[in-house]
PDB file of N, CA and C in Angstrom:
ATOM      1  N   MET A   1     -19.624 -13.252 -14.536  1.00  0.00           N
ATOM      2  CA  MET A   1     -18.289 -12.965 -14.419  1.00  0.00           C
ATOM      3  C   MET A   1     -17.931 -13.257 -16.261  1.00  0.00           C
ATOM      4  N   THR A   2     -17.718 -12.211 -16.804  1.00  0.00           N
ATOM      5  CA  THR A   2     -17.292 -12.418 -18.560  1.00  0.00           C
ATOM      6  C   THR A   2     -15.894 -12.795 -19.035  1.00  0.00           C
ATOM      7  N   THR A   3     -15.950 -13.931 -19.636  1.00  0.00           N
ATOM      8  CA  THR A   3     -14.534 -14.550 -19.993  1.00  0.00           C
ATOM      9  C   THR A   3     -14.193 -13.530 -21.558  1.00  0.00           C
ATOM     10  N   ARG A   4     -13.139 -13.025 -20.596  1.00  0.00           N
ATOM     11  CA  ARG A   4     -12.309 -12.501 -22.097  1.00  0.00           C
ATOM     12  C   ARG A   4     -11.763 -13.612 -23.110  1.00  0.00           C
ATOM     13  N   VAL A   5     -11.770 -12.553 -24.694  1.00  0.00           N
ATOM     14  CA  VAL A   5     -11.269 -13.545 -25.714  1.00  0.00           C
ATOM     15  C   VAL A   5      -9.853 -12.884 -26.338  1.00  0.00           C
ATOM     16  N   ARG A   6      -8.642 -13.088 -25.922  1.00  0.00           N
ATOM     17  CA  ARG A   6      -7.310 -12.846 -26.155  1.00  0.00           C
ATOM     18  C   ARG A   6      -7.087 -12.690 -28.244  1.00  0.00           C
ATOM     19  N   ILE A   7      -7.762 -11.259 -28.472  1.00  0.00           N
ATOM     20  CA  ILE A   7      -7.421 -10.689 -29.593  1.00  0.00           C
ATOM     21  C   ILE A   7      -6.552 -11.879 -29.838  1.00  0.00           C
ATOM     22  N   ASN A   8      -5.598 -11.746 -29.848  1.00  0.00           N
ATOM     23  CA  ASN A   8      -3.792 -11.913 -30.427  1.00  0.00           C
ATOM     24  C   ASN A   8      -3.842 -13.264 -30.772  1.00  0.00           C
ATOM     25  N   LEU A   9      -4.310 -14.288 -29.833  1.00  0.00           N
ATOM     26  CA  LEU A   9      -3.898 -15.084 -29.303  1.00  0.00           C
ATOM     27  C   LEU A   9      -4.803 -16.815 -30.228  1.00  0.00           C
ATOM     28  N   VAL A  10      -6.320 -16.422 -29.676  1.00  0.00           N
ATOM     29  CA  VAL A  10      -7.249 -17.397 -30.738  1.00  0.00           C
ATOM     30  C   VAL A  10      -6.994 -17.459 -31.759  1.00  0.00           C
ATOM     31  N   SER A  11      -7.642 -18.650 -32.259  1.00  0.00           N
ATOM     32  CA  SER A  11      -8.047 -19.371 -33.674  1.00  0.00           C
ATOM     33  C   SER A  11      -9.071 -18.326 -33.976  1.00  0.00           C
ATOM     34  N   ALA A  12      -9.241 -18.541 -35.106  1.00  0.00           N
ATOM     35  CA  ALA A  12     -10.203 -18.406 -35.988  1.00  0.00           C
ATOM     36  C   ALA A  12     -11.778 -18.522 -36.242  1.00  0.00           C
ATOM     37  N   GLN A  13     -11.463 -20.174 -35.333  1.00  0.00           N
ATOM     38  CA  GLN A  13     -12.931 -20.556 -35.417  1.00  0.00           C
ATOM     39  C   GLN A  13     -13.138 -20.138 -33.933  1.00  0.00           C
ATOM     40  N   GLU A  14     -12.276 -19.864 -33.070  1.00  0.00           N
ATOM     41  CA  GLU A  14     -12.826 -19.256 -31.333  1.00  0.00           C
ATOM     42  C   GLU A  14     -12.933 -17.988 -31.998  1.00  0.00           C
ATOM     43  N   LEU A  15     -12.450 -17.378 -32.763  1.00  0.00           N
ATOM     44  CA  LEU A  15     -13.224 -15.868 -32.864  1.00  0.00           C
ATOM     45  C   LEU A  15     -14.582 -16.010 -33.040  1.00  0.00           C
ATOM     46  N   GLN A  16     -15.318 -17.162 -33.975  1.00  0.00           N
ATOM     47  CA  GLN A  16     -16.243 -17.369 -34.701  1.00  0.00           C
ATOM     48  C   GLN A  16     -17.353 -16.879 -33.115  1.00  0.00           C
ATOM     49  N   ALA A  17     -16.911 -17.833 -32.244  1.00  0.00           N
ATOM     50  CA  ALA A  17     -17.662 -17.717 -31.139  1.00  0.00           C
ATOM     51  C   ALA A  17     -17.815 -16.509 -30.117  1.00  0.00           C
ATOM     52  N   VAL A  18     -16.904 -15.971 -30.740  1.00  0.00           N
ATOM     53  CA  VAL A  18     -17.695 -13.943 -30.435  1.00  0.00           C
ATOM     54  C   VAL A  18     -19.218 -13.325 -30.796  1.00  0.00           C
ATOM     55  N   PRO A  19     -19.726 -13.519 -29.827  1.00  0.00           N
ATOM     56  CA  PRO A  19     -21.213 -13.110 -30.748  1.00  0.00           C
ATOM     57  C   PRO A  19     -20.834 -11.344 -31.261  1.00  0.00           C
ATOM     58  N   GLY A  20     -21.393 -11.368 -32.185  1.00  0.00           N
ATOM     59  CA  GLY A  20     -21.243 -10.188 -33.682  1.00  0.00           C
ATOM     60  C   GLY A  20     -19.767 -10.701 -34.094  1.00  0.00           C
ATOM     61  N   LEU A  21     -19.517 -10.985 -34.129  1.00  0.00           N
ATOM     62  CA  LEU A  21     -18.028 -11.238 -35.469  1.00  0.00           C
ATOM     63  C   LEU A  21     -18.609 -12.636 -36.620  1.00  0.00           C
ATOM     64  N   THR A  22     -18.746 -12.527 -37.437  1.00  0.00           N
ATOM     65  CA  THR A  22     -18.792 -13.284 -38.432  1.00  0.00           C
ATOM     66  C   THR A  22     -17.307 -14.151 -38.684  1.00  0.00           C
ATOM     67  N   ALA A  23     -17.366 -14.851 -39.635  1.00  0.00           N
ATOM     68  CA  ALA A  23     -16.336 -15.696 -40.085  1.00  0.00           C
ATOM     69  C   ALA A  23     -15.436 -15.166 -40.762  1.00  0.00           C
ATOM     70  N   GLN A  24     -15.921 -14.145 -41.810  1.00  0.00           N
ATOM     71  CA  GLN A  24     -15.223 -13.176 -42.856  1.00  0.00           C
ATOM     72  C   GLN A  24     -14.270 -12.713 -41.650  1.00  0.00           C
ATOM     73  N   GLN A  25     -14.867 -11.621 -40.992  1.00  0.00           N
ATOM     74  CA  GLN A  25     -14.051 -10.982 -39.555  1.00  0.00           C
ATOM     75  C   GLN A  25     -13.282 -10.998 -39.111  1.00  0.00           C
ATOM     76  N   ALA A  26     -13.350 -12.935 -38.547  1.00  0.00           N
ATOM     77  CA  ALA A  26     -12.134 -13.658 -37.569  1.00  0.00           C
ATOM     78  C   ALA A  26     -11.473 -13.978 -38.797  1.00  0.00           C
ATOM     79  N   ASP A  27     -11.818 -14.571 -39.885  1.00  0.00           N
ATOM     80  CA  ASP A  27     -10.512 -14.329 -41.144  1.00  0.00           C
ATOM     81  C   ASP A  27     -10.144 -13.295 -40.735  1.00  0.00           C
ATOM     82  N   ALA A  28     -10.295 -12.383 -41.458  1.00  0.00           N
ATOM     83  CA  ALA A  28     -10.169 -11.101 -41.629  1.00  0.00           C
ATOM     84  C   ALA A  28      -8.606 -10.538 -40.280  1.00  0.00           C
ATOM     85  N   ILE A  29      -9.223 -11.229 -38.788  1.00  0.00           N
ATOM     86  CA  ILE A  29      -8.604 -10.420 -38.024  1.00  0.00           C
ATOM     87  C   ILE A  29      -7.047 -11.520 -37.898  1.00  0.00           C
ATOM     88  N   VAL A  30      -6.973 -12.821 -38.527  1.00  0.00           N
ATOM     89  CA  VAL A  30      -6.147 -13.946 -38.063  1.00  0.00           C
ATOM     90  C   VAL A  30      -5.060 -13.214 -39.228  1.00  0.00           C
ATOM     91  N   LYS A  31      -5.553 -13.371 -41.011  1.00  0.00           N
ATOM     92  CA  LYS A  31      -4.347 -12.707 -41.447  1.00  0.00           C
ATOM     93  C   LYS A  31      -3.946 -11.343 -41.153  1.00  0.00           C
ATOM     94  N   HIS A  32      -4.591 -10.121 -40.689  1.00  0.00           N
ATOM     95  CA  HIS A  32      -3.898  -9.155 -39.836  1.00  0.00           C
ATOM     96  C   HIS A  32      -3.272  -9.721 -39.246  1.00  0.00           C
ATOM     97  N   ARG A  33      -3.087 -10.291 -37.797  1.00  0.00           N
ATOM     98  CA  ARG A  33      -2.068 -10.744 -37.321  1.00  0.00           C
ATOM     99  C   ARG A  33      -1.274 -11.978 -37.926  1.00  0.00           C
ATOM    100  N   VAL A  34      -0.819 -12.417 -38.906  1.00  0.00           N
ATOM    101  CA  VAL A  34      -0.329 -13.028 -39.691  1.00  0.00           C
ATOM    102  C   VAL A  34       0.777 -11.591 -40.434  1.00  0.00           C
ATOM    103  N   GLN A  35       0.044 -11.346 -41.020  1.00  0.00           N
ATOM    104  CA  GLN A  35       0.790  -9.798 -41.778  1.00  0.00           C
ATOM    105  C   GLN A  35       1.021  -8.909 -41.374  1.00  0.00           C
ATOM    106  N   HIS A  36       0.545  -8.259 -40.117  1.00  0.00           N
ATOM    107  CA  HIS A  36       1.054  -6.752 -39.505  1.00  0.00           C
ATOM    108  C   HIS A  36       1.180  -7.363 -38.338  1.00  0.00           C
ATOM    109  N   GLY A  37       1.520  -8.393 -37.643  1.00  0.00           N
ATOM    110  CA  GLY A  37       1.244  -8.364 -36.338  1.00  0.00           C
ATOM    111  C   GLY A  37       0.216  -8.541 -35.198  1.00  0.00           C
ATOM    112  N   PRO A  38       0.341  -8.265 -34.357  1.00  0.00           N
ATOM    113  CA  PRO A  38      -0.503  -8.111 -32.719  1.00  0.00           C
ATOM    114  C   PRO A  38      -1.409  -6.729 -33.461  1.00  0.00           C
ATOM    115  N   ILE A  39      -2.655  -7.463 -33.033  1.00  0.00           N
ATOM    116  CA  ILE A  39      -4.117  -5.781 -32.893  1.00  0.00           C
ATOM    117  C   ILE A  39      -3.801  -5.393 -31.604  1.00  0.00           C
ATOM    118  N   THR A  40      -3.341  -3.926 -31.544  1.00  0.00           N
ATOM    119  CA  THR A  40      -3.552  -3.210 -30.376  1.00  0.00           C
ATOM    120  C   THR A  40      -4.401  -2.567 -29.510  1.00  0.00           C
ATOM    121  N   ASP A  41      -5.461  -2.554 -29.904  1.00  0.00           N
ATOM    122  CA  ASP A  41      -6.174  -1.734 -29.644  1.00  0.00           C
ATOM    123  C   ASP A  41      -7.769  -2.123 -30.376  1.00  0.00           C
ATOM    124  N   ALA A  42      -9.205  -1.250 -29.740  1.00  0.00           N
ATOM    125  CA  ALA A  42     -10.294  -1.486 -30.319  1.00  0.00           C
ATOM    126  C   ALA A  42     -10.225  -0.879 -31.098  1.00  0.00           C
ATOM    127  N   ARG A  43      -9.687   0.747 -31.329  1.00  0.00           N
ATOM    128  CA  ARG A  43      -9.519   1.640 -32.989  1.00  0.00           C
ATOM    129  C   ARG A  43      -8.531   0.892 -33.968  1.00  0.00           C
ATOM    130  N   GLN A  44      -7.571   0.061 -33.644  1.00  0.00           N
ATOM    131  CA  GLN A  44      -7.004  -0.859 -35.056  1.00  0.00           C
ATOM    132  C   GLN A  44      -8.031  -1.907 -34.847  1.00  0.00           C
ATOM    133  N   LEU A  45      -8.732  -2.660 -34.213  1.00  0.00           N
ATOM    134  CA  LEU A  45      -9.516  -3.705 -34.968  1.00  0.00           C
ATOM    135  C   LEU A  45     -10.586  -2.957 -35.225  1.00  0.00           C
ATOM    136  N   ALA A  46     -11.516  -1.962 -34.859  1.00  0.00           N
ATOM    137  CA  ALA A  46     -12.146  -1.018 -36.042  1.00  0.00           C
ATOM    138  C   ALA A  46     -11.749  -0.895 -37.462  1.00  0.00           C
ATOM    139  N   GLU A  47     -10.288  -0.911 -37.560  1.00  0.00           N
ATOM    140  CA  GLU A  47      -9.519  -0.777 -39.360  1.00  0.00           C
ATOM    141  C   GLU A  47      -9.759  -1.831 -39.069  1.00  0.00           C
ATOM    142  N   VAL A  48      -9.138  -3.153 -39.016  1.00  0.00           N
ATOM    143  CA  VAL A  48      -9.266  -4.053 -39.608  1.00  0.00           C
ATOM    144  C   VAL A  48     -10.328  -4.857 -40.320  1.00  0.00           C
ATOM    145  N   LEU A  49     -11.765  -4.453 -39.144  1.00  0.00           N
ATOM    146  CA  LEU A  49     -12.789  -5.148 -39.599  1.00  0.00           C
ATOM    147  C   LEU A  49     -13.977  -3.385 -40.434  1.00  0.00           C
ATOM    148  N   GLY A  50     -13.106  -2.781 -40.646  1.00  0.00           N
ATOM    149  CA  GLY A  50     -13.865  -1.860 -40.992  1.00  0.00           C
ATOM    150  C   GLY A  50     -15.451  -1.500 -40.531  1.00  0.00           C
ATOM    151  N   ASN A  51     -15.448  -2.033 -39.378  1.00  0.00           N
ATOM    152  CA  ASN A  51     -16.761  -1.527 -38.163  1.00  0.00           C
ATOM    153  C   ASN A  51     -16.738  -1.518 -37.102  1.00  0.00           C
ATOM    154  N   SER A  52     -16.432  -0.223 -36.724  1.00  0.00           N
ATOM    155  CA  SER A  52     -16.429  -0.158 -35.673  1.00  0.00           C
ATOM    156  C   SER A  52     -17.858   0.020 -34.830  1.00  0.00           C
ATOM    157  N   ALA A  53     -19.270  -0.365 -35.118  1.00  0.00           N
ATOM    158  CA  ALA A  53     -20.064  -1.263 -34.615  1.00  0.00           C
ATOM    159  C   ALA A  53     -20.113  -2.325 -34.089  1.00  0.00           C
ATOM    160  N   VAL A  54     -19.098  -3.031 -34.686  1.00  0.00           N
ATOM    161  CA  VAL A  54     -19.223  -4.450 -34.394  1.00  0.00           C
ATOM    162  C   VAL A  54     -17.561  -4.579 -33.181  1.00  0.00           C
ATOM    163  N   VAL A  55     -16.841  -3.617 -33.390  1.00  0.00           N
ATOM    164  CA  VAL A  55     -16.016  -3.593 -32.399  1.00  0.00           C
ATOM    165  C   VAL A  55     -16.258  -3.081 -31.085  1.00  0.00           C
ATOM    166  N   ALA A  56     -17.441  -2.240 -30.985  1.00  0.00           N
ATOM    167  CA  ALA A  56     -18.313  -1.480 -29.924  1.00  0.00           C
ATOM    168  C   ALA A  56     -18.726  -2.938 -29.406  1.00  0.00           C
ATOM    169  N   SER A  57     -19.441  -3.840 -29.595  1.00  0.00           N
ATOM    170  CA  SER A  57     -20.217  -4.941 -29.363  1.00  0.00           C
ATOM    171  C   SER A  57     -19.569  -5.679 -28.619  1.00  0.00           C
ATOM    172  N   ILE A  58     -18.590  -6.046 -29.377  1.00  0.00           N
ATOM    173  CA  ILE A  58     -17.300  -6.666 -28.408  1.00  0.00           C
ATOM    174  C   ILE A  58     -16.240  -6.721 -27.556  1.00  0.00           C
ATOM    175  N   ALA A  59     -16.469  -4.876 -27.603  1.00  0.00           N
ATOM    176  CA  ALA A  59     -15.151  -3.990 -26.494  1.00  0.00           C
ATOM    177  C   ALA A  59     -15.347  -5.028 -25.168  1.00  0.00           C
ATOM    178  N   SER A  60     -16.564  -5.173 -24.057  1.00  0.00           N
ATOM    179  CA  SER A  60     -16.057  -5.811 -23.092  1.00  0.00           C
ATOM    180  C   SER A  60     -15.583  -6.800 -22.911  1.00  0.00           C
ATOM    181  N   VAL A  61     -15.703  -7.467 -24.418  1.00  0.00           N
ATOM    182  CA  VAL A  61     -14.857  -9.164 -23.920  1.00  0.00           C
ATOM    183  C   VAL A  61     -13.612  -9.504 -24.764  1.00  0.00           C
ATOM    184  N   ALA A  62     -12.724  -7.883 -24.946  1.00  0.00           N
ATOM    185  CA  ALA A  62     -11.631  -8.144 -25.818  1.00  0.00           C
ATOM    186  C   ALA A  62     -10.627  -7.910 -25.201  1.00  0.00           C
ATOM    187  N   ASP A  63      -9.608  -9.032 -24.934  1.00  0.00           N
ATOM    188  CA  ASP A  63      -8.677  -8.335 -24.785  1.00  0.00           C
ATOM    189  C   ASP A  63      -7.083  -8.213 -25.471  1.00  0.00           C
ATOM    190  N   PHE A  64      -6.411  -6.948 -26.105  1.00  0.00           N
ATOM    191  CA  PHE A  64      -5.895  -6.828 -26.836  1.00  0.00           C
ATOM    192  C   PHE A  64      -4.348  -7.337 -26.569  1.00  0.00           C
ATOM    193  N   THR A  65      -4.034  -8.070 -25.146  1.00  0.00           N
ATOM    194  CA  THR A  65      -2.520  -8.504 -24.748  1.00  0.00           C
ATOM    195  C   THR A  65      -2.030  -9.224 -25.936  1.00  0.00           C
ATOM    196  N   PRO A  66      -0.614  -8.741 -26.263  1.00  0.00           N
ATOM    197  CA  PRO A  66      -0.088  -9.538 -27.037  1.00  0.00           C
ATOM    198  C   PRO A  66       0.243 -11.205 -26.846  1.00  0.00           C
ATOM    199  N   ALA A  67       0.269 -11.973 -27.742  1.00  0.00           N
ATOM    200  CA  ALA A  67       0.844 -13.208 -27.104  1.00  0.00           C
ATOM    201  C   ALA A  67       2.043 -13.516 -26.943  1.00  0.00           C
ATOM    202  N   ASP A  68       2.357 -14.392 -25.777  1.00  0.00           N
ATOM    203  CA  ASP A  68       3.759 -14.444 -25.776  1.00  0.00           C
ATOM    204  C   ASP A  68       4.571 -14.981 -27.238  1.00  0.00           C
ATOM    205  N   SER A  69       5.901 -14.300 -27.823  1.00  0.00           N
ATOM    206  CA  SER A  69       6.599 -15.054 -29.050  1.00  0.00           C
ATOM    207  C   SER A  69       6.900 -16.466 -29.113  1.00  0.00           C
ATOM    208  N   THR A  70       6.678 -16.648 -27.748  1.00  0.00           N
ATOM    209  CA  THR A  70       7.276 -18.297 -27.770  1.00  0.00           C
ATOM    210  C   THR A  70       6.231 -19.243 -28.073  1.00  0.00           C
ATOM    211  N   ALA A  71       4.954 -18.972 -28.316  1.00  0.00           N
ATOM    212  CA  ALA A  71       3.776 -19.521 -27.685  1.00  0.00           C
ATOM    213  C   ALA A  71       3.579 -20.677 -29.209  1.00  0.00           C
ATOM    214  N   PRO A  72       3.532 -21.456 -28.852  1.00  0.00           N
ATOM    215  CA  PRO A  72       3.140 -22.180 -30.179  1.00  0.00           C
ATOM    216  C   PRO A  72       1.340 -22.055 -31.001  1.00  0.00           C
ATOM    217  N   GLU A  73       0.274 -22.008 -29.541  1.00  0.00           N
ATOM    218  CA  GLU A  73      -0.744 -21.547 -30.085  1.00  0.00           C
ATOM    219  C   GLU A  73      -1.109 -20.165 -30.559  1.00  0.00           C
ATOM    220  N   ALA A  74      -0.066 -19.514 -30.978  1.00  0.00           N
ATOM    221  CA  ALA A  74      -0.365 -18.167 -30.974  1.00  0.00           C
ATOM    222  C   ALA A  74       0.484 -17.598 -32.940  1.00  0.00           C
ATOM    223  N   PRO A  75      -0.492 -18.091 -33.492  1.00  0.00           N
ATOM    224  CA  PRO A  75      -0.198 -18.249 -34.576  1.00  0.00           C
ATOM    225  C   PRO A  75      -0.606 -16.605 -35.268  1.00  0.00           C
ATOM    226  N   GLY A  76       0.965 -16.213 -36.217  1.00  0.00           N
ATOM    227  CA  GLY A  76       0.592 -14.290 -36.579  1.00  0.00           C
ATOM    228  C   GLY A  76       0.599 -13.250 -35.350  1.00  0.00           C
ATOM    229  N   ALA A  77       0.818 -13.816 -34.165  1.00  0.00           N
ATOM    230  CA  ALA A  77       0.904 -13.109 -33.146  1.00  0.00           C
ATOM    231  C   ALA A  77       2.398 -12.746 -32.844  1.00  0.00           C
TER     232      ALA A  77
END
């Protein structure tokens, strides 16, 4: 069973643990969440990262469920 990664909840450090994501891409995801809200799907993630190949490689583990607005660990979500 593969562990899913909640793209809209985890920190940049946790995102870096996803195979295929660089530190710069993890930072871009977090920055996007802070400025624009949750990432809704793989297409939007590809726009944020500027690289659909990366998204294809992590699609099997990505979970785009928005973070609860009351969750204290949900920066920018």
